Amino acid sequence: MKSAKCENCGASVGPGATACAYCGVTFMGAAPGVATGPAGANPEIVRLLRAGQKIEAIKVYREATRCGLKEAKDAVETIEATLTRGR
């Protein structure tokens, strides 16, 4: 089985992890490499991004993680970039 990687920093992540031990980013749902779509991405955020609703996706991320606006924006943009690369 291939080792999963953190979408934020690229560190190896064990199965079932909820946060990266290296950078501390919280995974939205399953650990990277487990969920469909971008690794570990919240399906609602993916849906919103695919619908062109980036601001709503940032709001959902902030509510789920209780993080600041900049961190949420950066995380959602990372997910968005992953979606774009996957096309």
C-alpha atoms as a PDB file:
ATOM      1  CA  MET A   1       0.000   0.000   0.000  1.00  0.00           C
ATOM      2  CA  LYS A   2       1.317   3.415  -0.984  1.00  0.00           C
ATOM      3  CA  SER A   3       2.057   5.902   1.800  1.00  0.00           C
ATOM      4  CA  ALA A   4      -0.305   8.897   1.924  1.00  0.00           C
ATOM      5  CA  LYS A   5       1.104  12.428   1.874  1.00  0.00           C
ATOM      6  CA  CYS A   6      -0.096  15.637   3.512  1.00  0.00           C
ATOM      7  CA  GLU A   7      -1.515  17.991   0.871  1.00  0.00           C
ATOM      8  CA  ASN A   8      -0.057  20.967   2.736  1.00  0.00           C
ATOM      9  CA  CYS A   9       3.569  19.956   3.356  1.00  0.00           C
ATOM     10  CA  GLY A  10       4.056  16.575   1.676  1.00  0.00           C
ATOM     11  CA  ALA A  11       4.957  14.690   4.877  1.00  0.00           C
ATOM     12  CA  SER A  12       4.005  11.005   5.110  1.00  0.00           C
ATOM     13  CA  VAL A  13       0.691  10.452   6.883  1.00  0.00           C
ATOM     14  CA  GLY A  14      -0.480   7.220   8.490  1.00  0.00           C
ATOM     15  CA  PRO A  15      -3.859   5.637   7.780  1.00  0.00           C
ATOM     16  CA  GLY A  16      -6.711   7.178   9.747  1.00  0.00           C
ATOM     17  CA  ALA A  17      -4.766  10.317  10.692  1.00  0.00           C
ATOM     18  CA  THR A  18      -6.869  13.421  11.332  1.00  0.00           C
ATOM     19  CA  ALA A  19      -3.967  15.907  11.310  1.00  0.00           C
ATOM     20  CA  CYS A  20      -0.443  16.102   9.915  1.00  0.00           C
ATOM     21  CA  ALA A  21       2.141  15.427  12.626  1.00  0.00           C
ATOM     22  CA  TYR A  22       4.655  17.659  10.816  1.00  0.00           C
ATOM     23  CA  CYS A  23       2.747  20.841   9.888  1.00  0.00           C
ATOM     24  CA  GLY A  24      -0.391  20.396  12.025  1.00  0.00           C
ATOM     25  CA  VAL A  25      -2.940  20.889   9.235  1.00  0.00           C
ATOM     26  CA  THR A  26      -6.273  19.234  10.030  1.00  0.00           C
ATOM     27  CA  PHE A  27      -7.604  16.864   7.389  1.00  0.00           C
ATOM     28  CA  MET A  28     -11.211  17.322   6.338  1.00  0.00           C
ATOM     29  CA  GLY A  29     -12.584  13.796   6.659  1.00  0.00           C
ATOM     30  CA  ALA A  30     -10.308  10.829   6.015  1.00  0.00           C
ATOM     31  CA  ALA A  31      -6.531  11.006   5.891  1.00  0.00           C
ATOM     32  CA  PRO A  32      -4.917  11.945   2.576  1.00  0.00           C
ATOM     33  CA  GLY A  33      -5.160   9.236  -0.018  1.00  0.00           C
ATOM     34  CA  VAL A  34      -8.315   7.738   1.514  1.00  0.00           C
ATOM     35  CA  ALA A  35     -11.118   9.984   0.287  1.00  0.00           C
ATOM     36  CA  THR A  36     -12.208  10.358  -3.313  1.00  0.00           C
ATOM     37  CA  GLY A  37     -11.265  13.582  -5.024  1.00  0.00           C
ATOM     38  CA  PRO A  38      -8.354  15.492  -3.525  1.00  0.00           C
ATOM     39  CA  ALA A  39      -6.774  13.560  -0.711  1.00  0.00           C
ATOM     40  CA  GLY A  40      -8.626  14.153   2.540  1.00  0.00           C
ATOM     41  CA  ALA A  41     -10.733  16.983   1.154  1.00  0.00           C
ATOM     42  CA  ASN A  42     -14.165  17.621   2.619  1.00  0.00           C
ATOM     43  CA  PRO A  43     -16.670  16.546  -0.080  1.00  0.00           C
ATOM     44  CA  GLU A  44     -18.751  19.685   0.523  1.00  0.00           C
ATOM     45  CA  ILE A  45     -15.721  21.899  -0.127  1.00  0.00           C
ATOM     46  CA  VAL A  46     -14.957  19.973  -3.319  1.00  0.00           C
ATOM     47  CA  ARG A  47     -18.590  20.347  -4.427  1.00  0.00           C
ATOM     48  CA  LEU A  48     -18.552  24.090  -3.750  1.00  0.00           C
ATOM     49  CA  LEU A  49     -15.280  24.588  -5.610  1.00  0.00           C
ATOM     50  CA  ARG A  50     -16.556  22.635  -8.607  1.00  0.00           C
ATOM     51  CA  ALA A  51     -19.654  24.860  -8.551  1.00  0.00           C
ATOM     52  CA  GLY A  52     -17.460  27.987  -8.576  1.00  0.00           C
ATOM     53  CA  GLN A  53     -18.354  28.952  -4.984  1.00  0.00           C
ATOM     54  CA  LYS A  54     -14.885  29.501  -3.530  1.00  0.00           C
ATOM     55  CA  ILE A  55     -15.966  31.939  -0.805  1.00  0.00           C
ATOM     56  CA  GLU A  56     -18.588  29.474   0.450  1.00  0.00           C
ATOM     57  CA  ALA A  57     -15.939  26.723   0.415  1.00  0.00           C
ATOM     58  CA  ILE A  58     -13.671  28.900   2.571  1.00  0.00           C
ATOM     59  CA  LYS A  59     -16.550  29.487   5.007  1.00  0.00           C
ATOM     60  CA  VAL A  60     -17.218  25.739   5.273  1.00  0.00           C
ATOM     61  CA  TYR A  61     -13.512  25.073   5.875  1.00  0.00           C
ATOM     62  CA  ARG A  62     -13.353  27.727   8.602  1.00  0.00           C
ATOM     63  CA  GLU A  63     -16.440  26.347  10.342  1.00  0.00           C
ATOM     64  CA  ALA A  64     -15.069  22.803  10.237  1.00  0.00           C
ATOM     65  CA  THR A  65     -11.558  23.637  11.467  1.00  0.00           C
ATOM     66  CA  ARG A  66     -12.060  26.837  13.506  1.00  0.00           C
ATOM     67  CA  CYS A  67      -9.011  28.312  11.776  1.00  0.00           C
ATOM     68  CA  GLY A  68      -8.331  31.857  10.610  1.00  0.00           C
ATOM     69  CA  LEU A  69      -9.327  33.337   7.272  1.00  0.00           C
ATOM     70  CA  LYS A  70      -5.812  33.216   5.761  1.00  0.00           C
ATOM     71  CA  GLU A  71      -5.265  29.578   6.740  1.00  0.00           C
ATOM     72  CA  ALA A  72      -8.685  28.609   5.364  1.00  0.00           C
ATOM     73  CA  LYS A  73      -8.111  30.505   2.117  1.00  0.00           C
ATOM     74  CA  ASP A  74      -4.704  28.869   1.631  1.00  0.00           C
ATOM     75  CA  ALA A  75      -6.094  25.399   2.368  1.00  0.00           C
ATOM     76  CA  VAL A  76      -9.054  25.829   0.008  1.00  0.00           C
ATOM     77  CA  GLU A  77      -6.758  27.147  -2.721  1.00  0.00           C
ATOM     78  CA  THR A  78      -4.560  24.061  -2.269  1.00  0.00           C
ATOM     79  CA  ILE A  79      -7.635  21.860  -2.711  1.00  0.00           C
ATOM     80  CA  GLU A  80      -8.674  23.930  -5.727  1.00  0.00           C
ATOM     81  CA  ALA A  81      -5.224  23.510  -7.304  1.00  0.00           C
ATOM     82  CA  THR A  82      -5.459  19.753  -6.769  1.00  0.00           C
ATOM     83  CA  LEU A  83      -8.833  19.719  -8.515  1.00  0.00           C
ATOM     84  CA  THR A  84      -7.419  21.721 -11.416  1.00  0.00           C
ATOM     85  CA  ARG A  85      -4.431  19.377 -11.796  1.00  0.00           C
ATOM     86  CA  GLY A  86      -6.742  16.368 -11.761  1.00  0.00           C
ATOM     87  CA  ARG A  87      -8.665  17.496 -14.854  1.00  0.00           C
END
